[in-house]
Each structure stands twice: as C-alpha cells, then as structure tokens.
PDB file of N, CA and C in Angstrom:
ATOM      1  N   MET A   1     -46.416  -1.463-155.757  1.00  0.00           N
ATOM      2  CA  MET A   1     -47.279  -0.280-156.296  1.00  0.00           C
ATOM      3  C   MET A   1     -48.212  -0.415-157.371  1.00  0.00           C
ATOM      4  N   ASN A   2     -49.281  -0.341-157.352  1.00  0.00           N
ATOM      5  CA  ASN A   2     -50.399  -1.007-158.234  1.00  0.00           C
ATOM      6  C   ASN A   2     -50.695  -0.006-159.202  1.00  0.00           C
ATOM      7  N   ARG A   3     -51.276  -0.353-159.971  1.00  0.00           N
ATOM      8  CA  ARG A   3     -51.571   0.500-161.522  1.00  0.00           C
ATOM      9  C   ARG A   3     -52.142   1.932-161.050  1.00  0.00           C
ATOM     10  N   SER A   4     -53.156   1.779-159.999  1.00  0.00           N
ATOM     11  CA  SER A   4     -53.583   3.177-159.618  1.00  0.00           C
ATOM     12  C   SER A   4     -52.710   3.872-159.025  1.00  0.00           C
ATOM     13  N   ASP A   5     -52.035   3.209-158.377  1.00  0.00           N
ATOM     14  CA  ASP A   5     -50.427   4.174-157.456  1.00  0.00           C
ATOM     15  C   ASP A   5     -49.845   4.887-158.896  1.00  0.00           C
ATOM     16  N   ILE A   6     -49.575   4.075-159.655  1.00  0.00           N
ATOM     17  CA  ILE A   6     -48.476   4.297-160.893  1.00  0.00           C
ATOM     18  C   ILE A   6     -49.261   5.533-161.276  1.00  0.00           C
ATOM     19  N   LEU A   7     -50.573   5.780-161.883  1.00  0.00           N
ATOM     20  CA  LEU A   7     -51.302   6.218-162.464  1.00  0.00           C
ATOM     21  C   LEU A   7     -51.552   7.815-161.905  1.00  0.00           C
ATOM     22  N   GLY A   8     -51.403   7.599-160.511  1.00  0.00           N
ATOM     23  CA  GLY A   8     -51.709   8.695-159.940  1.00  0.00           C
ATOM     24  C   GLY A   8     -50.078   9.242-159.769  1.00  0.00           C
ATOM     25  N   ALA A   9     -49.272   8.611-159.564  1.00  0.00           N
ATOM     26  CA  ALA A   9     -47.822   9.133-159.838  1.00  0.00           C
ATOM     27  C   ALA A   9     -47.786  10.355-161.019  1.00  0.00           C
ATOM     28  N   ALA A  10     -48.264   9.224-161.996  1.00  0.00           N
ATOM     29  CA  ALA A  10     -47.912  10.125-163.734  1.00  0.00           C
ATOM     30  C   ALA A  10     -48.758  10.948-163.623  1.00  0.00           C
ATOM     31  N   LEU A  11     -50.163  11.309-163.067  1.00  0.00           N
ATOM     32  CA  LEU A  11     -51.013  12.089-163.044  1.00  0.00           C
ATOM     33  C   LEU A  11     -50.566  13.718-162.336  1.00  0.00           C
ATOM     34  N   GLY A  12     -49.635  13.014-161.545  1.00  0.00           N
ATOM     35  CA  GLY A  12     -49.135  14.150-160.595  1.00  0.00           C
ATOM     36  C   GLY A  12     -48.001  14.630-160.842  1.00  0.00           C
ATOM     37  N   LEU A  13     -47.381  14.470-161.964  1.00  0.00           N
ATOM     38  CA  LEU A  13     -46.136  14.716-162.910  1.00  0.00           C
ATOM     39  C   LEU A  13     -46.725  15.828-163.628  1.00  0.00           C
ATOM     40  N   ILE A  14     -47.778  14.994-164.359  1.00  0.00           N
ATOM     41  CA  ILE A  14     -48.153  15.836-165.865  1.00  0.00           C
ATOM     42  C   ILE A  14     -49.130  17.165-165.452  1.00  0.00           C
ATOM     43  N   ASP A  15     -49.369  16.946-164.605  1.00  0.00           N
ATOM     44  CA  ASP A  15     -50.142  18.164-164.416  1.00  0.00           C
ATOM     45  C   ASP A  15     -49.245  19.096-163.037  1.00  0.00           C
ATOM     46  N   GLY A  16     -48.419  18.782-162.644  1.00  0.00           N
ATOM     47  CA  GLY A  16     -48.040  19.302-161.375  1.00  0.00           C
ATOM     48  C   GLY A  16     -46.235  19.920-162.276  1.00  0.00           C
ATOM     49  N   GLN A  17     -45.162  19.417-161.995  1.00  0.00           N
ATOM     50  CA  GLN A  17     -43.450  19.653-162.212  1.00  0.00           C
ATOM     51  C   GLN A  17     -43.580  19.725-163.515  1.00  0.00           C
ATOM     52  N   ARG A  18     -43.878  18.748-164.580  1.00  0.00           N
ATOM     53  CA  ARG A  18     -43.507  18.640-166.176  1.00  0.00           C
ATOM     54  C   ARG A  18     -44.272  19.818-166.688  1.00  0.00           C
ATOM     55  N   GLN A  19     -45.679  19.961-166.501  1.00  0.00           N
ATOM     56  CA  GLN A  19     -46.150  21.008-166.452  1.00  0.00           C
ATOM     57  C   GLN A  19     -45.327  22.501-166.428  1.00  0.00           C
ATOM     58  N   ALA A  20     -45.188  22.712-165.360  1.00  0.00           N
ATOM     59  CA  ALA A  20     -44.226  23.738-164.773  1.00  0.00           C
ATOM     60  C   ALA A  20     -42.954  24.028-165.654  1.00  0.00           C
ATOM     61  N   ASP A  21     -42.534  23.068-165.616  1.00  0.00           N
ATOM     62  CA  ASP A  21     -41.291  23.027-166.310  1.00  0.00           C
ATOM     63  C   ASP A  21     -41.175  23.042-167.986  1.00  0.00           C
ATOM     64  N   TYR A  22     -41.688  22.658-168.383  1.00  0.00           N
ATOM     65  CA  TYR A  22     -42.213  22.189-169.943  1.00  0.00           C
ATOM     66  C   TYR A  22     -43.245  22.742-170.742  1.00  0.00           C
ATOM     67  N   GLY A  23     -44.331  23.629-169.938  1.00  0.00           N
ATOM     68  CA  GLY A  23     -45.044  24.172-170.557  1.00  0.00           C
ATOM     69  C   GLY A  23     -46.369  23.739-171.117  1.00  0.00           C
ATOM     70  N   PRO A  24     -47.490  23.980-171.323  1.00  0.00           N
ATOM     71  CA  PRO A  24     -48.534  23.419-171.929  1.00  0.00           C
ATOM     72  C   PRO A  24     -48.051  22.171-173.149  1.00  0.00           C
ATOM     73  N   VAL A  25     -48.786  20.824-172.845  1.00  0.00           N
ATOM     74  CA  VAL A  25     -48.342  19.539-173.602  1.00  0.00           C
ATOM     75  C   VAL A  25     -48.583  20.220-175.224  1.00  0.00           C
ATOM     76  N   GLU A  26     -49.373  20.647-175.202  1.00  0.00           N
ATOM     77  CA  GLU A  26     -49.627  20.538-176.616  1.00  0.00           C
ATOM     78  C   GLU A  26     -48.549  21.672-177.409  1.00  0.00           C
ATOM     79  N   ASP A  27     -48.054  22.232-176.593  1.00  0.00           N
ATOM     80  CA  ASP A  27     -46.966  23.581-177.814  1.00  0.00           C
ATOM     81  C   ASP A  27     -45.709  22.362-177.483  1.00  0.00           C
ATOM     82  N   ASN A  28     -45.416  21.895-176.348  1.00  0.00           N
ATOM     83  CA  ASN A  28     -44.031  21.077-176.197  1.00  0.00           C
ATOM     84  C   ASN A  28     -44.261  19.871-177.189  1.00  0.00           C
ATOM     85  N   PHE A  29     -45.388  19.124-177.241  1.00  0.00           N
ATOM     86  CA  PHE A  29     -45.039  18.316-178.246  1.00  0.00           C
ATOM     87  C   PHE A  29     -45.255  18.927-179.819  1.00  0.00           C
ATOM     88  N   ARG A  30     -45.961  19.774-180.220  1.00  0.00           N
ATOM     89  CA  ARG A  30     -45.636  20.361-181.372  1.00  0.00           C
ATOM     90  C   ARG A  30     -44.018  20.814-181.354  1.00  0.00           C
ATOM     91  N   ARG A  31     -43.587  21.500-180.507  1.00  0.00           N
ATOM     92  CA  ARG A  31     -42.105  21.688-181.101  1.00  0.00           C
ATOM     93  C   ARG A  31     -41.178  20.301-180.882  1.00  0.00           C
ATOM     94  N   ILE A  32     -41.603  19.280-180.306  1.00  0.00           N
ATOM     95  CA  ILE A  32     -40.696  17.822-180.331  1.00  0.00           C
ATOM     96  C   ILE A  32     -41.400  17.665-181.978  1.00  0.00           C
ATOM     97  N   SER A  33     -42.452  17.505-182.203  1.00  0.00           N
ATOM     98  CA  SER A  33     -42.991  16.727-183.627  1.00  0.00           C
ATOM     99  C   SER A  33     -42.162  17.395-184.717  1.00  0.00           C
ATOM    100  N   VAL A  34     -41.650  18.671-184.881  1.00  0.00           N
ATOM    101  CA  VAL A  34     -41.398  19.215-185.676  1.00  0.00           C
ATOM    102  C   VAL A  34     -39.993  18.697-186.216  1.00  0.00           C
ATOM    103  N   GLY A  35     -39.125  18.764-184.799  1.00  0.00           N
ATOM    104  CA  GLY A  35     -37.773  18.281-185.064  1.00  0.00           C
ATOM    105  C   GLY A  35     -37.679  16.872-185.488  1.00  0.00           C
ATOM    106  N   VAL A  36     -38.838  15.886-185.026  1.00  0.00           N
ATOM    107  CA  VAL A  36     -39.213  14.417-185.062  1.00  0.00           C
ATOM    108  C   VAL A  36     -39.031  14.214-186.357  1.00  0.00           C
ATOM    109  N   ASN A  37     -39.972  15.028-187.257  1.00  0.00           N
ATOM    110  CA  ASN A  37     -40.190  14.935-188.266  1.00  0.00           C
ATOM    111  C   ASN A  37     -38.999  15.092-189.165  1.00  0.00           C
ATOM    112  N   LEU A  38     -38.265  16.213-189.090  1.00  0.00           N
ATOM    113  CA  LEU A  38     -37.127  16.621-189.827  1.00  0.00           C
ATOM    114  C   LEU A  38     -36.114  15.199-189.524  1.00  0.00           C
ATOM    115  N   ILE A  39     -36.069  15.106-188.619  1.00  0.00           N
ATOM    116  CA  ILE A  39     -35.251  14.160-188.029  1.00  0.00           C
ATOM    117  C   ILE A  39     -35.098  12.459-189.011  1.00  0.00           C
ATOM    118  N   ALA A  40     -36.702  12.358-188.853  1.00  0.00           N
ATOM    119  CA  ALA A  40     -37.352  10.951-189.560  1.00  0.00           C
ATOM    120  C   ALA A  40     -37.100  11.196-190.857  1.00  0.00           C
ATOM    121  N   GLU A  41     -37.579  12.102-191.841  1.00  0.00           N
ATOM    122  CA  GLU A  41     -37.595  12.437-193.192  1.00  0.00           C
ATOM    123  C   GLU A  41     -36.005  12.208-193.591  1.00  0.00           C
ATOM    124  N   GLU A  42     -35.210  12.935-192.831  1.00  0.00           N
ATOM    125  CA  GLU A  42     -33.815  12.598-193.419  1.00  0.00           C
ATOM    126  C   GLU A  42     -32.616  11.467-193.068  1.00  0.00           C
ATOM    127  N   ALA A  43     -33.537  10.460-192.347  1.00  0.00           N
ATOM    128  CA  ALA A  43     -33.308   9.208-191.922  1.00  0.00           C
ATOM    129  C   ALA A  43     -33.788   8.276-192.832  1.00  0.00           C
ATOM    130  N   MET A  44     -34.680   8.452-193.119  1.00  0.00           N
ATOM    131  CA  MET A  44     -35.503   7.305-194.605  1.00  0.00           C
ATOM    132  C   MET A  44     -34.660   8.162-195.627  1.00  0.00           C
ATOM    133  N   ARG A  45     -34.368   9.403-196.085  1.00  0.00           N
ATOM    134  CA  ARG A  45     -33.607   9.409-197.332  1.00  0.00           C
ATOM    135  C   ARG A  45     -32.071   9.288-197.459  1.00  0.00           C
ATOM    136  N   THR A  46     -31.649   9.337-196.020  1.00  0.00           N
ATOM    137  CA  THR A  46     -30.388   9.023-195.941  1.00  0.00           C
ATOM    138  C   THR A  46     -29.860   7.528-195.850  1.00  0.00           C
ATOM    139  N   HIS A  47     -31.001   6.612-194.908  1.00  0.00           N
ATOM    140  CA  HIS A  47     -30.519   5.475-194.641  1.00  0.00           C
ATOM    141  C   HIS A  47     -31.862   4.870-195.081  1.00  0.00           C
ATOM    142  N   GLY A  48     -32.933   4.886-195.328  1.00  0.00           N
ATOM    143  CA  GLY A  48     -33.652   4.329-195.349  1.00  0.00           C
ATOM    144  C   GLY A  48     -35.064   3.622-194.070  1.00  0.00           C
ATOM    145  N   ARG A  49     -34.335   3.964-193.146  1.00  0.00           N
ATOM    146  CA  ARG A  49     -35.248   3.689-192.133  1.00  0.00           C
ATOM    147  C   ARG A  49     -34.483   4.715-190.798  1.00  0.00           C
ATOM    148  N   VAL A  50     -35.117   4.811-189.471  1.00  0.00           N
ATOM    149  CA  VAL A  50     -34.316   5.553-188.314  1.00  0.00           C
ATOM    150  C   VAL A  50     -33.960   4.594-188.071  1.00  0.00           C
ATOM    151  N   THR A  51     -32.487   4.803-187.996  1.00  0.00           N
ATOM    152  CA  THR A  51     -31.429   3.637-186.839  1.00  0.00           C
ATOM    153  C   THR A  51     -31.372   4.405-185.228  1.00  0.00           C
ATOM    154  N   LYS A  52     -30.710   3.691-185.094  1.00  0.00           N
ATOM    155  CA  LYS A  52     -30.452   3.605-183.423  1.00  0.00           C
ATOM    156  C   LYS A  52     -29.411   5.165-183.325  1.00  0.00           C
ATOM    157  N   GLU A  53     -28.905   5.502-184.143  1.00  0.00           N
ATOM    158  CA  GLU A  53     -28.169   6.897-183.962  1.00  0.00           C
ATOM    159  C   GLU A  53     -29.307   8.107-184.003  1.00  0.00           C
ATOM    160  N   HIS A  54     -30.309   8.070-185.112  1.00  0.00           N
ATOM    161  CA  HIS A  54     -30.987   8.733-184.881  1.00  0.00           C
ATOM    162  C   HIS A  54     -31.706   8.694-184.235  1.00  0.00           C
ATOM    163  N   TYR A  55     -32.288   7.628-183.691  1.00  0.00           N
ATOM    164  CA  TYR A  55     -32.997   7.756-182.098  1.00  0.00           C
ATOM    165  C   TYR A  55     -32.338   8.698-181.151  1.00  0.00           C
ATOM    166  N   ALA A  56     -31.226   8.396-181.067  1.00  0.00           N
ATOM    167  CA  ALA A  56     -30.120   9.717-180.253  1.00  0.00           C
ATOM    168  C   ALA A  56     -30.315  10.779-180.400  1.00  0.00           C
ATOM    169  N   LEU A  57     -30.849  11.374-181.847  1.00  0.00           N
ATOM    170  CA  LEU A  57     -30.627  12.538-182.533  1.00  0.00           C
ATOM    171  C   LEU A  57     -32.357  13.343-181.679  1.00  0.00           C
ATOM    172  N   ILE A  58     -33.152  12.364-181.919  1.00  0.00           N
ATOM    173  CA  ILE A  58     -34.687  12.480-181.659  1.00  0.00           C
ATOM    174  C   ILE A  58     -34.821  12.827-179.766  1.00  0.00           C
ATOM    175  N   MET A  59     -34.114  11.845-179.179  1.00  0.00           N
ATOM    176  CA  MET A  59     -33.954  12.296-177.916  1.00  0.00           C
ATOM    177  C   MET A  59     -33.151  13.561-177.712  1.00  0.00           C
ATOM    178  N   ILE A  60     -32.377  14.532-178.201  1.00  0.00           N
ATOM    179  CA  ILE A  60     -31.723  15.175-178.169  1.00  0.00           C
ATOM    180  C   ILE A  60     -32.719  16.297-178.702  1.00  0.00           C
ATOM    181  N   TRP A  61     -32.920  16.449-179.741  1.00  0.00           N
ATOM    182  CA  TRP A  61     -34.374  17.157-179.830  1.00  0.00           C
ATOM    183  C   TRP A  61     -34.922  17.142-178.913  1.00  0.00           C
ATOM    184  N   THR A  62     -35.808  16.314-178.727  1.00  0.00           N
ATOM    185  CA  THR A  62     -36.658  16.118-177.516  1.00  0.00           C
ATOM    186  C   THR A  62     -36.498  17.326-176.261  1.00  0.00           C
ATOM    187  N   LYS A  63     -34.933  16.631-175.861  1.00  0.00           N
ATOM    188  CA  LYS A  63     -34.458  17.796-174.903  1.00  0.00           C
ATOM    189  C   LYS A  63     -34.363  19.196-175.184  1.00  0.00           C
ATOM    190  N   VAL A  64     -33.831  19.461-176.287  1.00  0.00           N
ATOM    191  CA  VAL A  64     -33.963  21.002-176.851  1.00  0.00           C
ATOM    192  C   VAL A  64     -35.448  21.790-176.896  1.00  0.00           C
ATOM    193  N   ALA A  65     -36.481  20.837-177.253  1.00  0.00           N
ATOM    194  CA  ALA A  65     -37.512  21.426-177.315  1.00  0.00           C
ATOM    195  C   ALA A  65     -37.934  21.806-176.182  1.00  0.00           C
ATOM    196  N   ARG A  66     -37.598  21.153-175.175  1.00  0.00           N
ATOM    197  CA  ARG A  66     -38.343  21.384-173.827  1.00  0.00           C
ATOM    198  C   ARG A  66     -37.312  22.912-173.564  1.00  0.00           C
ATOM    199  N   LEU A  67     -36.204  22.863-173.753  1.00  0.00           N
ATOM    200  CA  LEU A  67     -35.091  23.961-172.959  1.00  0.00           C
ATOM    201  C   LEU A  67     -35.706  25.367-173.572  1.00  0.00           C
ATOM    202  N   LEU A  68     -36.419  24.997-174.831  1.00  0.00           N
ATOM    203  CA  LEU A  68     -36.947  26.472-175.500  1.00  0.00           C
ATOM    204  C   LEU A  68     -38.153  27.236-174.757  1.00  0.00           C
ATOM    205  N   GLU A  69     -38.900  26.005-173.915  1.00  0.00           N
ATOM    206  CA  GLU A  69     -39.822  26.495-172.676  1.00  0.00           C
ATOM    207  C   GLU A  69     -39.073  27.264-171.634  1.00  0.00           C
ATOM    208  N   THR A  70     -38.014  26.109-170.618  1.00  0.00           N
ATOM    209  CA  THR A  70     -37.537  26.533-169.821  1.00  0.00           C
ATOM    210  C   THR A  70     -36.084  26.304-169.824  1.00  0.00           C
ATOM    211  N   ILE A  71     -35.285  27.629-170.354  1.00  0.00           N
ATOM    212  CA  ILE A  71     -33.464  27.144-170.581  1.00  0.00           C
ATOM    213  C   ILE A  71     -32.919  27.135-169.707  1.00  0.00           C
ATOM    214  N   ASP A  72     -33.088  27.171-168.400  1.00  0.00           N
ATOM    215  CA  ASP A  72     -32.393  27.159-167.441  1.00  0.00           C
ATOM    216  C   ASP A  72     -32.743  25.624-166.628  1.00  0.00           C
ATOM    217  N   HIS A  73     -33.271  25.031-167.426  1.00  0.00           N
ATOM    218  CA  HIS A  73     -33.497  23.454-166.447  1.00  0.00           C
ATOM    219  C   HIS A  73     -32.436  22.266-166.691  1.00  0.00           C
ATOM    220  N   ALA A  74     -31.589  22.989-165.978  1.00  0.00           N
ATOM    221  CA  ALA A  74     -30.235  21.903-165.630  1.00  0.00           C
ATOM    222  C   ALA A  74     -30.076  20.289-166.075  1.00  0.00           C
ATOM    223  N   ASP A  75     -31.130  19.444-165.757  1.00  0.00           N
ATOM    224  CA  ASP A  75     -31.831  18.217-166.122  1.00  0.00           C
ATOM    225  C   ASP A  75     -31.346  17.977-167.566  1.00  0.00           C
ATOM    226  N   SER A  76     -32.219  18.696-168.116  1.00  0.00           N
ATOM    227  CA  SER A  76     -32.111  18.932-169.738  1.00  0.00           C
ATOM    228  C   SER A  76     -30.914  19.144-170.424  1.00  0.00           C
ATOM    229  N   TRP A  77     -30.218  19.781-169.889  1.00  0.00           N
ATOM    230  CA  TRP A  77     -28.884  20.085-170.284  1.00  0.00           C
ATOM    231  C   TRP A  77     -27.739  18.669-170.522  1.00  0.00           C
ATOM    232  N   VAL A  78     -27.836  18.353-169.143  1.00  0.00           N
ATOM    233  CA  VAL A  78     -26.999  17.049-168.590  1.00  0.00           C
ATOM    234  C   VAL A  78     -27.574  16.251-169.573  1.00  0.00           C
ATOM    235  N   ASP A  79     -28.806  15.839-169.811  1.00  0.00           N
ATOM    236  CA  ASP A  79     -29.216  14.512-170.688  1.00  0.00           C
ATOM    237  C   ASP A  79     -29.053  14.969-171.998  1.00  0.00           C
ATOM    238  N   ILE A  80     -29.220  16.179-172.576  1.00  0.00           N
ATOM    239  CA  ILE A  80     -28.644  16.421-173.874  1.00  0.00           C
ATOM    240  C   ILE A  80     -27.021  15.795-174.266  1.00  0.00           C
ATOM    241  N   CYS A  81     -26.197  16.095-173.176  1.00  0.00           N
ATOM    242  CA  CYS A  81     -25.053  15.667-173.080  1.00  0.00           C
ATOM    243  C   CYS A  81     -24.659  14.111-173.510  1.00  0.00           C
ATOM    244  N   GLY A  82     -25.774  13.549-172.357  1.00  0.00           N
ATOM    245  CA  GLY A  82     -25.720  12.010-172.249  1.00  0.00           C
ATOM    246  C   GLY A  82     -26.091  11.115-173.464  1.00  0.00           C
ATOM    247  N   TYR A  83     -27.214  12.040-174.105  1.00  0.00           N
ATOM    248  CA  TYR A  83     -27.483  11.542-175.255  1.00  0.00           C
ATOM    249  C   TYR A  83     -26.611  11.515-176.869  1.00  0.00           C
ATOM    250  N   ALA A  84     -26.136  12.648-176.526  1.00  0.00           N
ATOM    251  CA  ALA A  84     -24.794  13.022-177.568  1.00  0.00           C
ATOM    252  C   ALA A  84     -24.164  12.303-177.845  1.00  0.00           C
ATOM    253  N   ALA A  85     -23.180  11.771-176.300  1.00  0.00           N
ATOM    254  CA  ALA A  85     -22.181  10.715-176.452  1.00  0.00           C
ATOM    255  C   ALA A  85     -22.594   9.027-176.303  1.00  0.00           C
ATOM    256  N   LEU A  86     -23.786   8.901-176.442  1.00  0.00           N
ATOM    257  CA  LEU A  86     -24.539   7.659-176.412  1.00  0.00           C
ATOM    258  C   LEU A  86     -24.524   7.941-177.965  1.00  0.00           C
ATOM    259  N   GLY A  87     -24.889   9.007-178.706  1.00  0.00           N
ATOM    260  CA  GLY A  87     -25.474   8.754-179.988  1.00  0.00           C
ATOM    261  C   GLY A  87     -24.066   8.369-181.162  1.00  0.00           C
ATOM    262  N   GLY A  88     -23.197   9.417-180.661  1.00  0.00           N
ATOM    263  CA  GLY A  88     -21.624   9.591-180.839  1.00  0.00           C
ATOM    264  C   GLY A  88     -20.842   7.936-180.773  1.00  0.00           C
ATOM    265  N   GLU A  89     -20.698   7.807-179.538  1.00  0.00           N
ATOM    266  CA  GLU A  89     -20.363   6.050-179.445  1.00  0.00           C
ATOM    267  C   GLU A  89     -21.080   5.053-180.464  1.00  0.00           C
ATOM    268  N   MET A  90     -22.439   5.035-180.869  1.00  0.00           N
ATOM    269  CA  MET A  90     -22.585   4.215-181.343  1.00  0.00           C
ATOM    270  C   MET A  90     -22.077   4.356-182.944  1.00  0.00           C
ATOM    271  N   ALA A  91     -22.441   5.808-183.330  1.00  0.00           N
ATOM    272  CA  ALA A  91     -22.239   6.116-184.847  1.00  0.00           C
ATOM    273  C   ALA A  91     -20.437   5.544-185.109  1.00  0.00           C
ATOM    274  N   THR A  92     -19.800   6.279-184.460  1.00  0.00           N
ATOM    275  CA  THR A  92     -18.303   6.004-184.963  1.00  0.00           C
ATOM    276  C   THR A  92     -17.737   4.614-184.257  1.00  0.00           C
ATOM    277  N   LYS A  93     -18.482   3.891-183.760  1.00  0.00           N
ATOM    278  CA  LYS A  93     -18.256   2.645-183.207  1.00  0.00           C
ATOM    279  C   LYS A  93     -18.215   1.452-184.599  1.00  0.00           C
ATOM    280  N   GLU A  94     -19.377   2.173-185.083  1.00  0.00           N
ATOM    281  CA  GLU A  94     -19.508   1.366-186.433  1.00  0.00           C
ATOM    282  C   GLU A  94     -18.517   1.337-187.387  1.00  0.00           C
ATOM    283  N   GLN A  95     -17.915   2.590-187.832  1.00  0.00           N
ATOM    284  CA  GLN A  95     -16.908   2.786-188.792  1.00  0.00           C
ATOM    285  C   GLN A  95     -15.738   2.467-188.295  1.00  0.00           C
ATOM    286  N   GLY A  96     -15.482   2.125-187.236  1.00  0.00           N
ATOM    287  CA  GLY A  96     -14.382   1.166-187.229  1.00  0.00           C
ATOM    288  C   GLY A  96     -14.519  -0.465-187.236  1.00  0.00           C
ATOM    289  N   ASP A  97     -15.557  -1.272-187.294  1.00  0.00           N
ATOM    290  CA  ASP A  97     -15.990  -2.396-187.606  1.00  0.00           C
ATOM    291  C   ASP A  97     -16.552  -2.761-188.735  1.00  0.00           C
ATOM    292  N   GLY A  98     -16.357  -1.899-189.699  1.00  0.00           N
ATOM    293  CA  GLY A  98     -17.053  -1.957-191.132  1.00  0.00           C
ATOM    294  C   GLY A  98     -18.333  -2.002-191.137  1.00  0.00           C
ATOM    295  N   GLN A  99     -19.318  -2.452-190.247  1.00  0.00           N
ATOM    296  CA  GLN A  99     -20.552  -2.545-189.662  1.00  0.00           C
ATOM    297  C   GLN A  99     -21.068  -1.145-190.118  1.00  0.00           C
ATOM    298  N   ALA A 100     -22.086  -1.129-190.873  1.00  0.00           N
ATOM    299  CA  ALA A 100     -23.112  -0.245-191.113  1.00  0.00           C
ATOM    300  C   ALA A 100     -24.518  -0.377-190.546  1.00  0.00           C
ATOM    301  N   ASP A 101     -25.189   0.427-190.101  1.00  0.00           N
ATOM    302  CA  ASP A 101     -26.684   0.117-189.281  1.00  0.00           C
ATOM    303  C   ASP A 101     -27.620   0.183-190.450  1.00  0.00           C
TER     304      ASP A 101
END
C-alpha cells in the first residue's frame, strides 16, 4: 500500500462512514476538546502533567463525545470498556508497587 492508497482509504472513511457515525467533524472535535481541556487542566492541577491514566480518560471521553452524536454505536461502547479496564489496571497497579506516575 503506497501513500496515495493510504490517503484514499482515509478520505473514504472521513467523508463516508466516520462522518455518518460521528457527525460533522467540527461538532465532534468541539465536543472532544471540551473534555480533553477539562481532563488536562485537572491533570496539571493534581499531577503537574498528563499521565498515562489521564490519557485513558481522554480516550474514554473521545468515545463518549462520539456517542453523543450516535448513541447506538456499539463499537464506541466496547472501546469505552476497554479503555476503562486499561486505565484502571494502570492506576491500581501502581498503588501496589509504591510507584507514582
């Protein structure tokens, strides 16, 4: 697959199914940015930086923001569960070994 093939595949998604699933990109990115800003602000206040656990929250929020457009998109619900499990595992693992992130 060359760069033109890759760009063509991406264009097909962003102008096709992704737009159908998540609505206009401007609306979707606006919703996502609201949550990302809140998470980043709290991360800086509480940890001085965005940690990998905060990034899990950002990915969860991205999926929530997409579900606000298409609440029956099963893949986003599944992804939220996956990101929550990964973030929770990272957050609680470090409690047991005495290391903070």
